[in-house]
Amino acid sequence: MVRKIGSNMTNIHEALQEFSGQSEEFSASSEQVAAATEEQTASMNQMTFSAQALTQLADNLSKMVAIFNLNT
């Protein structure tokens, strides 16, 4: 009986160690996903800023070109 309890305790200990290792792997994977998401968010923000700047430049160019009205 004592041997069986000791064996069960060993099995439980091994299972907990395996679970702990898997939890650490999952945590590391989650951190990688979070970092990738943060990078993508930063890239999207930069693209939004660039698109807004390009729109402003296009508007300014359109106003400058409108001065030269060739429809006479």
N, C-alpha and C. Protein backbone atom coordinates (compact mmCIF):
# COMPACT_ATOMS: atom_id res chain seq x y z
N MET A 1 0.83 -1.19 0.00
CA MET A 1 0.00 0.00 0.00
C MET A 1 0.87 1.26 0.00
N VAL A 2 1.90 1.27 0.85
CA VAL A 2 2.79 2.43 0.93
C VAL A 2 3.54 2.60 -0.38
N ARG A 3 3.95 1.46 -0.98
CA ARG A 3 4.65 1.53 -2.27
C ARG A 3 3.74 2.09 -3.35
N LYS A 4 2.47 1.68 -3.32
CA LYS A 4 1.51 2.16 -4.31
C LYS A 4 1.31 3.67 -4.16
N ILE A 5 1.21 4.13 -2.94
CA ILE A 5 1.05 5.57 -2.68
C ILE A 5 2.29 6.31 -3.16
N GLY A 6 3.47 5.76 -2.85
CA GLY A 6 4.71 6.38 -3.30
C GLY A 6 4.80 6.42 -4.81
N SER A 7 4.37 5.35 -5.46
CA SER A 7 4.36 5.30 -6.93
C SER A 7 3.39 6.32 -7.50
N ASN A 8 2.23 6.41 -6.89
CA ASN A 8 1.23 7.39 -7.34
C ASN A 8 1.75 8.81 -7.15
N MET A 9 2.43 9.05 -6.04
CA MET A 9 2.99 10.38 -5.79
C MET A 9 4.04 10.71 -6.84
N THR A 10 4.86 9.73 -7.20
CA THR A 10 5.87 9.93 -8.23
C THR A 10 5.21 10.24 -9.57
N ASN A 11 4.16 9.50 -9.89
CA ASN A 11 3.43 9.74 -11.14
C ASN A 11 2.81 11.13 -11.16
N ILE A 12 2.25 11.53 -10.04
CA ILE A 12 1.65 12.87 -9.95
C ILE A 12 2.73 13.93 -10.10
N HIS A 13 3.85 13.72 -9.46
CA HIS A 13 4.97 14.68 -9.55
C HIS A 13 5.45 14.81 -10.99
N GLU A 14 5.61 13.68 -11.68
CA GLU A 14 6.05 13.70 -13.08
C GLU A 14 5.03 14.39 -13.97
N ALA A 15 3.75 14.12 -13.71
CA ALA A 15 2.69 14.75 -14.50
C ALA A 15 2.69 16.26 -14.29
N LEU A 16 2.91 16.68 -13.05
CA LEU A 16 2.95 18.12 -12.76
C LEU A 16 4.16 18.78 -13.42
N GLN A 17 5.29 18.09 -13.44
CA GLN A 17 6.47 18.64 -14.10
C GLN A 17 6.22 18.78 -15.60
N GLU A 18 5.58 17.77 -16.19
CA GLU A 18 5.27 17.84 -17.62
C GLU A 18 4.30 18.98 -17.90
N PHE A 19 3.29 19.10 -17.05
CA PHE A 19 2.32 20.18 -17.20
C PHE A 19 3.00 21.54 -17.08
N SER A 20 3.92 21.64 -16.13
CA SER A 20 4.65 22.90 -15.94
C SER A 20 5.46 23.24 -17.19
N GLY A 21 6.13 22.24 -17.76
CA GLY A 21 6.91 22.47 -18.98
C GLY A 21 6.03 22.91 -20.13
N GLN A 22 4.87 22.27 -20.27
CA GLN A 22 3.95 22.64 -21.34
C GLN A 22 3.40 24.04 -21.12
N SER A 23 3.15 24.39 -19.87
CA SER A 23 2.66 25.73 -19.56
C SER A 23 3.70 26.78 -19.92
N GLU A 24 4.97 26.49 -19.65
CA GLU A 24 6.04 27.43 -20.00
C GLU A 24 6.15 27.59 -21.51
N GLU A 25 6.01 26.48 -22.25
CA GLU A 25 6.05 26.56 -23.71
C GLU A 25 4.88 27.39 -24.23
N PHE A 26 3.70 27.17 -23.66
CA PHE A 26 2.52 27.93 -24.08
C PHE A 26 2.71 29.41 -23.78
N SER A 27 3.28 29.70 -22.62
CA SER A 27 3.52 31.10 -22.25
C SER A 27 4.49 31.76 -23.22
N ALA A 28 5.55 31.03 -23.58
CA ALA A 28 6.53 31.58 -24.53
C ALA A 28 5.88 31.82 -25.89
N SER A 29 5.03 30.89 -26.32
CA SER A 29 4.34 31.06 -27.60
C SER A 29 3.40 32.26 -27.55
N SER A 30 2.72 32.42 -26.44
CA SER A 30 1.80 33.55 -26.28
C SER A 30 2.56 34.87 -26.33
N GLU A 31 3.74 34.90 -25.73
CA GLU A 31 4.55 36.12 -25.76
C GLU A 31 5.01 36.43 -27.18
N GLN A 32 5.34 35.39 -27.95
CA GLN A 32 5.74 35.60 -29.34
C GLN A 32 4.58 36.15 -30.16
N VAL A 33 3.39 35.62 -29.93
CA VAL A 33 2.21 36.11 -30.65
C VAL A 33 1.94 37.56 -30.27
N ALA A 34 2.06 37.88 -28.99
CA ALA A 34 1.84 39.25 -28.54
C ALA A 34 2.85 40.20 -29.17
N ALA A 35 4.10 39.79 -29.26
CA ALA A 35 5.13 40.63 -29.87
C ALA A 35 4.85 40.83 -31.35
N ALA A 36 4.45 39.77 -32.04
CA ALA A 36 4.14 39.88 -33.47
C ALA A 36 2.93 40.79 -33.68
N THR A 37 1.94 40.68 -32.82
CA THR A 37 0.76 41.54 -32.92
C THR A 37 1.13 42.99 -32.69
N GLU A 38 2.01 43.23 -31.74
CA GLU A 38 2.46 44.60 -31.46
C GLU A 38 3.20 45.17 -32.67
N GLU A 39 4.04 44.36 -33.30
CA GLU A 39 4.76 44.81 -34.50
C GLU A 39 3.78 45.13 -35.62
N GLN A 40 2.79 44.27 -35.80
CA GLN A 40 1.80 44.50 -36.86
C GLN A 40 1.00 45.77 -36.59
N THR A 41 0.66 46.00 -35.34
CA THR A 41 -0.07 47.22 -34.99
C THR A 41 0.77 48.45 -35.29
N ALA A 42 2.04 48.40 -34.95
CA ALA A 42 2.93 49.53 -35.23
C ALA A 42 3.05 49.75 -36.73
N SER A 43 3.15 48.67 -37.49
CA SER A 43 3.24 48.79 -38.95
C SER A 43 1.96 49.39 -39.53
N MET A 44 0.82 48.95 -39.03
CA MET A 44 -0.45 49.48 -39.51
C MET A 44 -0.58 50.97 -39.17
N ASN A 45 -0.14 51.36 -38.00
CA ASN A 45 -0.17 52.77 -37.62
C ASN A 45 0.73 53.59 -38.54
N GLN A 46 1.90 53.06 -38.86
CA GLN A 46 2.82 53.76 -39.76
C GLN A 46 2.21 53.87 -41.16
N MET A 47 1.57 52.81 -41.62
CA MET A 47 0.93 52.85 -42.94
C MET A 47 -0.21 53.86 -42.96
N THR A 48 -0.96 53.94 -41.88
CA THR A 48 -2.05 54.92 -41.78
C THR A 48 -1.49 56.34 -41.84
N PHE A 49 -0.43 56.59 -41.08
CA PHE A 49 0.21 57.90 -41.09
C PHE A 49 0.72 58.24 -42.48
N SER A 50 1.37 57.27 -43.14
CA SER A 50 1.92 57.50 -44.48
C SER A 50 0.80 57.77 -45.48
N ALA A 51 -0.30 57.04 -45.37
CA ALA A 51 -1.43 57.24 -46.28
C ALA A 51 -2.03 58.63 -46.09
N GLN A 52 -2.13 59.08 -44.85
CA GLN A 52 -2.66 60.42 -44.58
C GLN A 52 -1.73 61.49 -45.14
N ALA A 53 -0.43 61.29 -44.98
CA ALA A 53 0.54 62.25 -45.51
C ALA A 53 0.48 62.28 -47.03
N LEU A 54 0.35 61.12 -47.65
CA LEU A 54 0.25 61.05 -49.11
C LEU A 54 -1.02 61.72 -49.61
N THR A 55 -2.11 61.54 -48.89
CA THR A 55 -3.37 62.20 -49.25
C THR A 55 -3.21 63.71 -49.19
N GLN A 56 -2.56 64.20 -48.15
CA GLN A 56 -2.34 65.65 -48.02
C GLN A 56 -1.47 66.17 -49.16
N LEU A 57 -0.41 65.42 -49.50
CA LEU A 57 0.44 65.83 -50.62
C LEU A 57 -0.34 65.85 -51.93
N ALA A 58 -1.18 64.86 -52.15
CA ALA A 58 -1.99 64.81 -53.37
C ALA A 58 -2.96 65.98 -53.43
N ASP A 59 -3.56 66.33 -52.31
CA ASP A 59 -4.47 67.48 -52.27
C ASP A 59 -3.72 68.77 -52.59
N ASN A 60 -2.54 68.93 -51.99
CA ASN A 60 -1.74 70.13 -52.26
C ASN A 60 -1.33 70.20 -53.73
N LEU A 61 -0.91 69.08 -54.29
CA LEU A 61 -0.52 69.04 -55.70
C LEU A 61 -1.70 69.37 -56.59
N SER A 62 -2.86 68.85 -56.25
CA SER A 62 -4.06 69.12 -57.04
C SER A 62 -4.38 70.62 -57.04
N LYS A 63 -4.23 71.26 -55.89
CA LYS A 63 -4.49 72.70 -55.80
C LYS A 63 -3.47 73.49 -56.61
N MET A 64 -2.22 73.05 -56.58
CA MET A 64 -1.18 73.74 -57.34
C MET A 64 -1.40 73.59 -58.84
N VAL A 65 -1.80 72.43 -59.27
CA VAL A 65 -2.02 72.18 -60.70
C VAL A 65 -3.27 72.90 -61.18
N ALA A 66 -4.23 73.11 -60.31
CA ALA A 66 -5.48 73.78 -60.69
C ALA A 66 -5.22 75.21 -61.14
N ILE A 67 -4.10 75.78 -60.76
CA ILE A 67 -3.75 77.14 -61.18
C ILE A 67 -3.60 77.21 -62.69
N PHE A 68 -3.09 76.14 -63.27
CA PHE A 68 -2.84 76.10 -64.71
C PHE A 68 -4.06 75.53 -65.42
N ASN A 69 -5.04 76.34 -65.63
CA ASN A 69 -6.27 75.91 -66.29
C ASN A 69 -6.05 75.95 -67.80
N LEU A 70 -6.05 74.80 -68.45
CA LEU A 70 -5.80 74.72 -69.88
C LEU A 70 -7.09 74.67 -70.69
N ASN A 71 -8.22 74.71 -70.06
CA ASN A 71 -9.51 74.66 -70.76
C ASN A 71 -9.95 76.08 -71.12
N THR A 72 -9.36 76.63 -72.16
CA THR A 72 -9.73 77.99 -72.56
C THR A 72 -10.38 78.01 -73.90
